[in-house]
Amino acid sequence: MDEENENIPENAPEGGDWIDQLLRDVKAENLPEEETAPEELRLKPAPTPPRKPPEPPAPPEEEPPRRRRPKRIRVKRKGKLYSFLYLVVALTACGINPYTDTRFIKNGNTVVDALMSFYDEKVGGFRHVNESTSDGYDATVNQMSTEQAYYALAQLYKTVPTKAALSKAAKAGSGKIKAAWKKSAVNTDYVTKKSGKTAEVSGYQIVLATDKKFSKNVEKVTVKGTKTLSKTVIGLKKGKTYYVKVRAYKLVNGKKLYGAYSKTLTAKS
């Protein structure tokens, strides 16, 4: 056999068909597939980087706290006597004037006006209610209501100074104004206020401003004691017209309880 034909099988068909036959025989015998590389030598796909957890949403910006206006207390003329007498006692004990504090004034009526609406002038005493109620309260004068009401009035009269009286406001030099006033007092005749018995106040406060509403260039000066009834205010704007008023105060539990303001006078500094 020639060298070129030594690898051809003896039973191979003639021509080149023997190659096709060989391939068919290999498939029929289910020969093992080509060996693959060991596991440790195989190329592995690049690891997928771990996903970052989503960032939490930013917290909403906090709004600055809103400034709440103080709740206004509405004074009602209806109701029961003790509601108003207790309020009068509490206000004066806290250094608040029930006559002048606008939080306790409604339609021009103060909490003292509401208290006095229970007073019966014919009998000379106080009722617990102004209208009889279904829970047993009669609109008649009784001793307990009268005693409690007079207690509240006594506390009111002995702590609230009378209205101050400004008698003079005049120029006292460049940038200076002198104010003078009459003596104020606290009434110690708690009920009738007719005997003229009084007690001294603790001092006075002078208020000056360059406008009628007392909102521009405001100056406040305190005068302690009752012997001094005039004061020269210095350091004012030169050549300006100032509005001047004064009021007395009484120290109650360490707090100043102010009386009503005097009338307003003007003067040039």
C-alpha atoms as a PDB file:
ATOM      1  CA  MET A   1       0.000   0.000   0.000  1.00  0.00           C
ATOM      2  CA  ASP A   2       1.232   3.378  -0.881  1.00  0.00           C
ATOM      3  CA  GLU A   3       2.416   5.720   1.895  1.00  0.00           C
ATOM      4  CA  GLU A   4      -0.321   8.231   1.151  1.00  0.00           C
ATOM      5  CA  ASN A   5      -2.995   5.586   1.656  1.00  0.00           C
ATOM      6  CA  GLU A   6      -1.620   3.921   4.787  1.00  0.00           C
ATOM      7  CA  ASN A   7      -4.029   5.780   7.124  1.00  0.00           C
ATOM      8  CA  ILE A   8      -7.136   4.982   5.140  1.00  0.00           C
ATOM      9  CA  PRO A   9      -9.183   2.144   6.657  1.00  0.00           C
ATOM     10  CA  GLU A  10      -9.271  -1.086   4.720  1.00  0.00           C
ATOM     11  CA  ASN A  11     -13.029  -1.172   4.451  1.00  0.00           C
ATOM     12  CA  ALA A  12     -13.278   2.559   3.529  1.00  0.00           C
ATOM     13  CA  PRO A  13     -15.456   3.266   0.552  1.00  0.00           C
ATOM     14  CA  GLU A  14     -13.906   4.409  -2.558  1.00  0.00           C
ATOM     15  CA  GLY A  15     -13.394   8.061  -3.172  1.00  0.00           C
ATOM     16  CA  GLY A  16     -13.677  10.714  -0.449  1.00  0.00           C
ATOM     17  CA  ASP A  17     -16.879   9.342   0.970  1.00  0.00           C
ATOM     18  CA  TRP A  18     -14.973   7.449   3.588  1.00  0.00           C
ATOM     19  CA  ILE A  19     -14.467  10.706   5.591  1.00  0.00           C
ATOM     20  CA  ASP A  20     -18.186  11.260   5.843  1.00  0.00           C
ATOM     21  CA  GLN A  21     -18.629   7.674   6.869  1.00  0.00           C
ATOM     22  CA  LEU A  22     -16.049   8.084   9.618  1.00  0.00           C
ATOM     23  CA  LEU A  23     -17.825  11.099  11.041  1.00  0.00           C
ATOM     24  CA  ARG A  24     -21.114   9.189  11.106  1.00  0.00           C
ATOM     25  CA  ASP A  25     -19.468   6.313  12.962  1.00  0.00           C
ATOM     26  CA  VAL A  26     -18.064   8.665  15.588  1.00  0.00           C
ATOM     27  CA  LYS A  27     -21.471  10.171  16.260  1.00  0.00           C
ATOM     28  CA  ALA A  28     -23.076   6.736  16.420  1.00  0.00           C
ATOM     29  CA  GLU A  29     -20.600   5.476  19.028  1.00  0.00           C
ATOM     30  CA  ASN A  30     -21.276   8.578  21.361  1.00  0.00           C
ATOM     31  CA  LEU A  31     -17.645   9.226  21.930  1.00  0.00           C
ATOM     32  CA  PRO A  32     -16.875  11.555  24.944  1.00  0.00           C
ATOM     33  CA  GLU A  33     -16.776  15.199  24.218  1.00  0.00           C
ATOM     34  CA  GLU A  34     -13.603  17.188  24.271  1.00  0.00           C
ATOM     35  CA  GLU A  35     -12.279  17.607  27.764  1.00  0.00           C
ATOM     36  CA  THR A  36     -12.665  21.067  29.228  1.00  0.00           C
ATOM     37  CA  ALA A  37     -10.297  23.044  31.420  1.00  0.00           C
ATOM     38  CA  PRO A  38     -10.422  22.539  35.207  1.00  0.00           C
ATOM     39  CA  GLU A  39     -12.861  24.709  37.155  1.00  0.00           C
ATOM     40  CA  GLU A  40     -10.129  26.799  38.793  1.00  0.00           C
ATOM     41  CA  LEU A  41      -8.616  27.661  35.406  1.00  0.00           C
ATOM     42  CA  ARG A  42     -11.808  28.702  33.701  1.00  0.00           C
ATOM     43  CA  LEU A  43     -12.359  32.389  32.984  1.00  0.00           C
ATOM     44  CA  LYS A  44     -15.017  33.656  35.277  1.00  0.00           C
ATOM     45  CA  PRO A  45     -17.201  36.649  34.465  1.00  0.00           C
ATOM     46  CA  ALA A  46     -16.358  39.806  36.341  1.00  0.00           C
ATOM     47  CA  PRO A  47     -18.388  40.021  39.557  1.00  0.00           C
ATOM     48  CA  THR A  48     -21.294  42.434  39.457  1.00  0.00           C
ATOM     49  CA  PRO A  49     -20.645  45.284  41.892  1.00  0.00           C
ATOM     50  CA  PRO A  50     -23.194  45.391  44.705  1.00  0.00           C
ATOM     51  CA  ARG A  51     -25.917  47.921  44.265  1.00  0.00           C
ATOM     52  CA  LYS A  52     -25.826  50.842  46.628  1.00  0.00           C
ATOM     53  CA  PRO A  53     -28.976  51.150  48.716  1.00  0.00           C
ATOM     54  CA  PRO A  54     -31.024  54.158  47.713  1.00  0.00           C
ATOM     55  CA  GLU A  55     -30.272  57.221  49.820  1.00  0.00           C
ATOM     56  CA  PRO A  56     -33.067  58.166  52.176  1.00  0.00           C
ATOM     57  CA  PRO A  57     -34.953  61.287  51.151  1.00  0.00           C
ATOM     58  CA  ALA A  58     -33.773  64.481  52.804  1.00  0.00           C
ATOM     59  CA  PRO A  59     -35.950  65.469  55.759  1.00  0.00           C
ATOM     60  CA  PRO A  60     -38.224  68.402  55.039  1.00  0.00           C
ATOM     61  CA  GLU A  61     -36.987  71.733  56.296  1.00  0.00           C
ATOM     62  CA  GLU A  62     -38.565  72.659  59.574  1.00  0.00           C
ATOM     63  CA  GLU A  63     -40.594  75.815  59.484  1.00  0.00           C
ATOM     64  CA  PRO A  64     -39.761  78.371  62.158  1.00  0.00           C
ATOM     65  CA  PRO A  65     -42.265  78.247  65.012  1.00  0.00           C
ATOM     66  CA  ARG A  66     -45.080  80.648  64.527  1.00  0.00           C
ATOM     67  CA  ARG A  67     -45.516  83.267  67.150  1.00  0.00           C
ATOM     68  CA  ARG A  68     -48.875  82.834  68.723  1.00  0.00           C
ATOM     69  CA  ARG A  69     -50.817  85.773  69.889  1.00  0.00           C
ATOM     70  CA  PRO A  70     -51.925  85.637  73.515  1.00  0.00           C
ATOM     71  CA  LYS A  71     -55.463  84.421  73.823  1.00  0.00           C
ATOM     72  CA  ARG A  72     -57.866  87.215  74.579  1.00  0.00           C
ATOM     73  CA  ILE A  73     -60.275  86.576  77.399  1.00  0.00           C
ATOM     74  CA  ARG A  74     -63.786  87.664  76.591  1.00  0.00           C
ATOM     75  CA  VAL A  75     -65.734  89.224  79.430  1.00  0.00           C
ATOM     76  CA  LYS A  76     -69.388  88.196  79.518  1.00  0.00           C
ATOM     77  CA  ARG A  77     -71.990  89.943  81.562  1.00  0.00           C
ATOM     78  CA  LYS A  78     -73.976  86.744  81.841  1.00  0.00           C
ATOM     79  CA  GLY A  79     -72.901  83.879  84.042  1.00  0.00           C
ATOM     80  CA  LYS A  80     -72.260  83.588  87.762  1.00  0.00           C
ATOM     81  CA  LEU A  81     -70.869  86.163  90.151  1.00  0.00           C
ATOM     82  CA  TYR A  82     -67.891  84.147  91.363  1.00  0.00           C
ATOM     83  CA  SER A  83     -66.460  83.910  87.823  1.00  0.00           C
ATOM     84  CA  PHE A  84     -65.824  87.647  87.837  1.00  0.00           C
ATOM     85  CA  LEU A  85     -64.902  88.229  91.466  1.00  0.00           C
ATOM     86  CA  TYR A  86     -62.253  85.499  91.341  1.00  0.00           C
ATOM     87  CA  LEU A  87     -60.875  87.044  88.165  1.00  0.00           C
ATOM     88  CA  VAL A  88     -60.623  90.479  89.775  1.00  0.00           C
ATOM     89  CA  VAL A  89     -58.715  89.050  92.746  1.00  0.00           C
ATOM     90  CA  ALA A  90     -56.377  87.033  90.508  1.00  0.00           C
ATOM     91  CA  LEU A  91     -55.583  89.965  88.216  1.00  0.00           C
ATOM     92  CA  THR A  92     -54.738  92.362  91.013  1.00  0.00           C
ATOM     93  CA  ALA A  93     -52.601  89.714  92.721  1.00  0.00           C
ATOM     94  CA  CYS A  94     -50.635  89.369  89.463  1.00  0.00           C
ATOM     95  CA  GLY A  95     -50.137  93.122  89.134  1.00  0.00           C
ATOM     96  CA  ILE A  96     -52.709  93.588  86.350  1.00  0.00           C
ATOM     97  CA  ASN A  97     -55.162  96.469  86.389  1.00  0.00           C
ATOM     98  CA  PRO A  98     -58.668  95.150  85.564  1.00  0.00           C
ATOM     99  CA  TYR A  99     -59.727  98.677  84.579  1.00  0.00           C
ATOM    100  CA  THR A 100     -57.109  99.272  81.887  1.00  0.00           C
ATOM    101  CA  ASP A 101     -55.860  95.928  80.542  1.00  0.00           C
ATOM    102  CA  THR A 102     -57.432  95.618  77.087  1.00  0.00           C
ATOM    103  CA  ARG A 103     -57.454  91.804  77.253  1.00  0.00           C
ATOM    104  CA  PHE A 104     -60.244  92.051  79.807  1.00  0.00           C
ATOM    105  CA  ILE A 105     -62.325  94.754  78.136  1.00  0.00           C
ATOM    106  CA  LYS A 106     -65.169  94.035  75.734  1.00  0.00           C
ATOM    107  CA  ASN A 107     -67.402  96.631  74.111  1.00  0.00           C
ATOM    108  CA  GLY A 108     -66.034  99.199  76.542  1.00  0.00           C
ATOM    109  CA  ASN A 109     -66.977  97.123  79.609  1.00  0.00           C
ATOM    110  CA  THR A 110     -64.317  95.911  82.030  1.00  0.00           C
ATOM    111  CA  VAL A 111     -64.362  92.819  84.202  1.00  0.00           C
ATOM    112  CA  VAL A 112     -65.203  95.174  87.095  1.00  0.00           C
ATOM    113  CA  ASP A 113     -68.282  96.348  85.180  1.00  0.00           C
ATOM    114  CA  ALA A 114     -69.293  92.706  84.771  1.00  0.00           C
ATOM    115  CA  LEU A 115     -68.866  92.178  88.510  1.00  0.00           C
ATOM    116  CA  MET A 116     -70.946  95.231  89.367  1.00  0.00           C
ATOM    117  CA  SER A 117     -73.772  94.044  87.094  1.00  0.00           C
ATOM    118  CA  PHE A 118     -74.728  91.634  89.909  1.00  0.00           C
ATOM    119  CA  TYR A 119     -75.196  94.494  92.384  1.00  0.00           C
ATOM    120  CA  ASP A 120     -78.762  95.398  93.438  1.00  0.00           C
ATOM    121  CA  GLU A 121     -78.888  99.086  94.395  1.00  0.00           C
ATOM    122  CA  LYS A 122     -82.338  98.831  95.994  1.00  0.00           C
ATOM    123  CA  VAL A 123     -81.340  96.059  98.388  1.00  0.00           C
ATOM    124  CA  GLY A 124     -77.672  97.034  98.687  1.00  0.00           C
ATOM    125  CA  GLY A 125     -76.150  93.645  97.976  1.00  0.00           C
ATOM    126  CA  PHE A 126     -75.050  91.221  95.283  1.00  0.00           C
ATOM    127  CA  ARG A 127     -76.857  88.396  93.493  1.00  0.00           C
ATOM    128  CA  HIS A 128     -75.208  85.137  92.514  1.00  0.00           C
ATOM    129  CA  VAL A 129     -76.898  85.242  89.095  1.00  0.00           C
ATOM    130  CA  ASN A 130     -78.789  87.911  87.206  1.00  0.00           C
ATOM    131  CA  GLU A 131     -81.360  85.457  85.873  1.00  0.00           C
ATOM    132  CA  SER A 132     -82.795  82.485  87.770  1.00  0.00           C
ATOM    133  CA  THR A 133     -81.485  79.174  86.474  1.00  0.00           C
ATOM    134  CA  SER A 134     -82.899  75.676  86.245  1.00  0.00           C
ATOM    135  CA  ASP A 135     -80.186  74.312  88.573  1.00  0.00           C
ATOM    136  CA  GLY A 136     -81.544  76.171  91.596  1.00  0.00           C
ATOM    137  CA  TYR A 137     -79.915  79.621  91.547  1.00  0.00           C
ATOM    138  CA  ASP A 138     -82.329  82.505  92.172  1.00  0.00           C
ATOM    139  CA  ALA A 139     -81.683  86.036  90.981  1.00  0.00           C
ATOM    140  CA  THR A 140     -81.991  87.439  94.504  1.00  0.00           C
ATOM    141  CA  VAL A 141     -79.496  89.123  96.815  1.00  0.00           C
ATOM    142  CA  ASN A 142     -77.887  86.786  99.349  1.00  0.00           C
ATOM    143  CA  GLN A 143     -75.315  87.207 102.078  1.00  0.00           C
ATOM    144  CA  MET A 144     -72.612  84.892 100.724  1.00  0.00           C
ATOM    145  CA  SER A 145     -72.567  86.526  97.296  1.00  0.00           C
ATOM    146  CA  THR A 146     -72.440  89.973  98.895  1.00  0.00           C
ATOM    147  CA  GLU A 147     -69.520  89.089 101.174  1.00  0.00           C
ATOM    148  CA  GLN A 148     -67.521  87.528  98.343  1.00  0.00           C
ATOM    149  CA  ALA A 149     -68.121  90.483  96.042  1.00  0.00           C
ATOM    150  CA  TYR A 150     -67.042  92.986  98.701  1.00  0.00           C
ATOM    151  CA  TYR A 151     -63.908  90.953  99.314  1.00  0.00           C
ATOM    152  CA  ALA A 152     -62.998  91.257  95.624  1.00  0.00           C
ATOM    153  CA  LEU A 153     -63.757  95.000  95.637  1.00  0.00           C
ATOM    154  CA  ALA A 154     -61.631  95.485  98.754  1.00  0.00           C
ATOM    155  CA  GLN A 155     -58.703  93.794  97.011  1.00  0.00           C
ATOM    156  CA  LEU A 156     -59.302  95.963  93.943  1.00  0.00           C
ATOM    157  CA  TYR A 157     -59.541  99.309  95.726  1.00  0.00           C
ATOM    158  CA  LYS A 158     -56.550  98.803  97.986  1.00  0.00           C
ATOM    159  CA  THR A 159     -54.193  97.819  95.161  1.00  0.00           C
ATOM    160  CA  VAL A 160     -55.171  99.897  92.115  1.00  0.00           C
ATOM    161  CA  PRO A 161     -53.929 103.527  92.294  1.00  0.00           C
ATOM    162  CA  THR A 162     -56.260 106.358  91.394  1.00  0.00           C
ATOM    163  CA  LYS A 163     -55.870 108.057  88.037  1.00  0.00           C
ATOM    164  CA  ALA A 164     -52.856 110.376  87.937  1.00  0.00           C
ATOM    165  CA  ALA A 165     -53.234 114.096  87.211  1.00  0.00           C
ATOM    166  CA  LEU A 166     -50.495 115.716  85.100  1.00  0.00           C
ATOM    167  CA  SER A 167     -50.475 119.448  85.861  1.00  0.00           C
ATOM    168  CA  LYS A 168     -47.514 120.697  83.826  1.00  0.00           C
ATOM    169  CA  ALA A 169     -45.154 119.779  80.987  1.00  0.00           C
ATOM    170  CA  ALA A 170     -42.725 122.483  79.855  1.00  0.00           C
ATOM    171  CA  LYS A 171     -39.295 122.970  78.282  1.00  0.00           C
ATOM    172  CA  ALA A 172     -36.493 122.992  80.841  1.00  0.00           C
ATOM    173  CA  GLY A 173     -33.526 123.537  78.525  1.00  0.00           C
ATOM    174  CA  SER A 174     -32.076 122.082  75.357  1.00  0.00           C
ATOM    175  CA  GLY A 175     -33.286 118.484  75.074  1.00  0.00           C
ATOM    176  CA  LYS A 176     -35.034 118.694  78.457  1.00  0.00           C
ATOM    177  CA  ILE A 177     -38.690 118.682  79.581  1.00  0.00           C
ATOM    178  CA  LYS A 178     -39.991 119.090  83.120  1.00  0.00           C
ATOM    179  CA  ALA A 179     -43.207 117.322  84.118  1.00  0.00           C
ATOM    180  CA  ALA A 180     -45.213 117.929  87.303  1.00  0.00           C
ATOM    181  CA  TRP A 181     -48.250 116.076  88.641  1.00  0.00           C
ATOM    182  CA  LYS A 182     -50.577 115.868  91.588  1.00  0.00           C
ATOM    183  CA  LYS A 183     -50.379 113.239  94.271  1.00  0.00           C
ATOM    184  CA  SER A 184     -52.142 109.946  93.585  1.00  0.00           C
ATOM    185  CA  ALA A 185     -53.324 107.508  96.227  1.00  0.00           C
ATOM    186  CA  VAL A 186     -54.871 104.125  96.867  1.00  0.00           C
ATOM    187  CA  ASN A 187     -58.389 104.151  98.317  1.00  0.00           C
ATOM    188  CA  THR A 188     -58.649 102.320 101.617  1.00  0.00           C
ATOM    189  CA  ASP A 189     -62.362 102.915 102.073  1.00  0.00           C
ATOM    190  CA  TYR A 190     -62.962  99.690 100.234  1.00  0.00           C
ATOM    191  CA  VAL A 191     -66.706  99.844  99.717  1.00  0.00           C
ATOM    192  CA  THR A 192     -68.186 103.322  99.722  1.00  0.00           C
ATOM    193  CA  LYS A 193     -65.003 105.261  98.881  1.00  0.00           C
ATOM    194  CA  LYS A 194     -66.628 108.274 100.563  1.00  0.00           C
ATOM    195  CA  SER A 195     -64.597 108.620 103.757  1.00  0.00           C
ATOM    196  CA  GLY A 196     -61.508 109.924 101.963  1.00  0.00           C
ATOM    197  CA  LYS A 197     -59.197 107.421 103.631  1.00  0.00           C
ATOM    198  CA  THR A 198     -56.292 106.658 101.354  1.00  0.00           C
ATOM    199  CA  ALA A 199     -52.895 105.016 101.331  1.00  0.00           C
ATOM    200  CA  GLU A 200     -49.794 106.057  99.476  1.00  0.00           C
ATOM    201  CA  VAL A 201     -48.787 104.667  96.104  1.00  0.00           C
ATOM    202  CA  SER A 202     -45.331 103.261  95.456  1.00  0.00           C
ATOM    203  CA  GLY A 203     -44.250 105.653  92.707  1.00  0.00           C
ATOM    204  CA  TYR A 204     -44.936 107.154  89.268  1.00  0.00           C
ATOM    205  CA  GLN A 205     -44.023 106.544  85.659  1.00  0.00           C
ATOM    206  CA  ILE A 206     -43.596 109.347  83.093  1.00  0.00           C
ATOM    207  CA  VAL A 207     -43.961 108.458  79.404  1.00  0.00           C
ATOM    208  CA  LEU A 208     -42.869 110.751  76.560  1.00  0.00           C
ATOM    209  CA  ALA A 209     -43.048 110.308  72.770  1.00  0.00           C
ATOM    210  CA  THR A 210     -42.971 112.392  69.603  1.00  0.00           C
ATOM    211  CA  ASP A 211     -46.373 111.172  68.364  1.00  0.00           C
ATOM    212  CA  LYS A 212     -49.880 110.971  69.827  1.00  0.00           C
ATOM    213  CA  LYS A 213     -49.902 107.166  69.740  1.00  0.00           C
ATOM    214  CA  PHE A 214     -46.725 107.014  71.842  1.00  0.00           C
ATOM    215  CA  SER A 215     -44.922 104.793  69.347  1.00  0.00           C
ATOM    216  CA  LYS A 216     -41.985 107.010  68.202  1.00  0.00           C
ATOM    217  CA  ASN A 217     -38.972 108.074  70.254  1.00  0.00           C
ATOM    218  CA  VAL A 218     -40.579 106.733  73.415  1.00  0.00           C
ATOM    219  CA  GLU A 219     -38.937 107.573  76.735  1.00  0.00           C
ATOM    220  CA  LYS A 220     -40.053 106.105  80.074  1.00  0.00           C
ATOM    221  CA  VAL A 221     -38.867 107.416  83.426  1.00  0.00           C
ATOM    222  CA  THR A 222     -39.740 105.893  86.813  1.00  0.00           C
ATOM    223  CA  VAL A 223     -39.955 108.023  89.936  1.00  0.00           C
ATOM    224  CA  LYS A 224     -39.911 105.993  93.153  1.00  0.00           C
ATOM    225  CA  GLY A 225     -41.757 107.118  96.254  1.00  0.00           C
ATOM    226  CA  THR A 226     -44.566 109.637  96.743  1.00  0.00           C
ATOM    227  CA  LYS A 227     -42.743 112.753  97.918  1.00  0.00           C
ATOM    228  CA  THR A 228     -41.378 113.678  94.488  1.00  0.00           C
ATOM    229  CA  LEU A 229     -44.124 115.178  92.310  1.00  0.00           C
ATOM    230  CA  SER A 230     -42.001 116.588  89.473  1.00  0.00           C
ATOM    231  CA  LYS A 231     -39.174 115.360  87.268  1.00  0.00           C
ATOM    232  CA  THR A 232     -36.927 116.839  84.569  1.00  0.00           C
ATOM    233  CA  VAL A 233     -36.349 114.374  81.739  1.00  0.00           C
ATOM    234  CA  ILE A 234     -33.052 114.835  79.899  1.00  0.00           C
ATOM    235  CA  GLY A 235     -31.461 113.380  76.778  1.00  0.00           C
ATOM    236  CA  LEU A 236     -34.419 114.140  74.496  1.00  0.00           C
ATOM    237  CA  LYS A 237     -34.163 115.088  70.822  1.00  0.00           C
ATOM    238  CA  LYS A 238     -33.566 118.811  70.624  1.00  0.00           C
ATOM    239  CA  GLY A 239     -36.309 120.993  69.206  1.00  0.00           C
ATOM    240  CA  LYS A 240     -38.845 118.164  69.040  1.00  0.00           C
ATOM    241  CA  THR A 241     -42.420 118.363  70.309  1.00  0.00           C
ATOM    242  CA  TYR A 242     -43.102 115.636  72.863  1.00  0.00           C
ATOM    243  CA  TYR A 243     -46.374 114.250  74.164  1.00  0.00           C
ATOM    244  CA  VAL A 244     -46.245 113.621  77.913  1.00  0.00           C
ATOM    245  CA  LYS A 245     -48.397 111.556  80.290  1.00  0.00           C
ATOM    246  CA  VAL A 246     -47.957 110.066  83.759  1.00  0.00           C
ATOM    247  CA  ARG A 247     -49.431 107.254  85.849  1.00  0.00           C
ATOM    248  CA  ALA A 248     -49.020 105.980  89.408  1.00  0.00           C
ATOM    249  CA  TYR A 249     -48.147 102.432  90.420  1.00  0.00           C
ATOM    250  CA  LYS A 250     -48.473 100.245  93.492  1.00  0.00           C
ATOM    251  CA  LEU A 251     -46.171  97.332  94.291  1.00  0.00           C
ATOM    252  CA  VAL A 252     -48.267  94.175  94.689  1.00  0.00           C
ATOM    253  CA  ASN A 253     -46.400  90.943  95.452  1.00  0.00           C
ATOM    254  CA  GLY A 254     -43.250  92.516  94.024  1.00  0.00           C
ATOM    255  CA  LYS A 255     -44.946  93.589  90.764  1.00  0.00           C
ATOM    256  CA  LYS A 256     -45.969  97.067  89.664  1.00  0.00           C
ATOM    257  CA  LEU A 257     -49.712  97.503  89.312  1.00  0.00           C
ATOM    258  CA  TYR A 258     -50.233 100.682  87.294  1.00  0.00           C
ATOM    259  CA  GLY A 259     -53.167 103.041  87.562  1.00  0.00           C
ATOM    260  CA  ALA A 260     -54.767 104.855  84.650  1.00  0.00           C
ATOM    261  CA  TYR A 261     -52.790 107.402  82.619  1.00  0.00           C
ATOM    262  CA  SER A 262     -53.330 111.105  83.092  1.00  0.00           C
ATOM    263  CA  LYS A 263     -54.383 113.399  80.300  1.00  0.00           C
ATOM    264  CA  THR A 264     -51.692 114.152  77.694  1.00  0.00           C
ATOM    265  CA  LEU A 265     -49.807 117.446  77.539  1.00  0.00           C
ATOM    266  CA  THR A 266     -47.239 118.637  74.968  1.00  0.00           C
ATOM    267  CA  ALA A 267     -43.939 120.451  75.327  1.00  0.00           C
ATOM    268  CA  LYS A 268     -40.877 121.215  73.187  1.00  0.00           C
ATOM    269  CA  SER A 269     -37.526 119.858  74.219  1.00  0.00           C
END
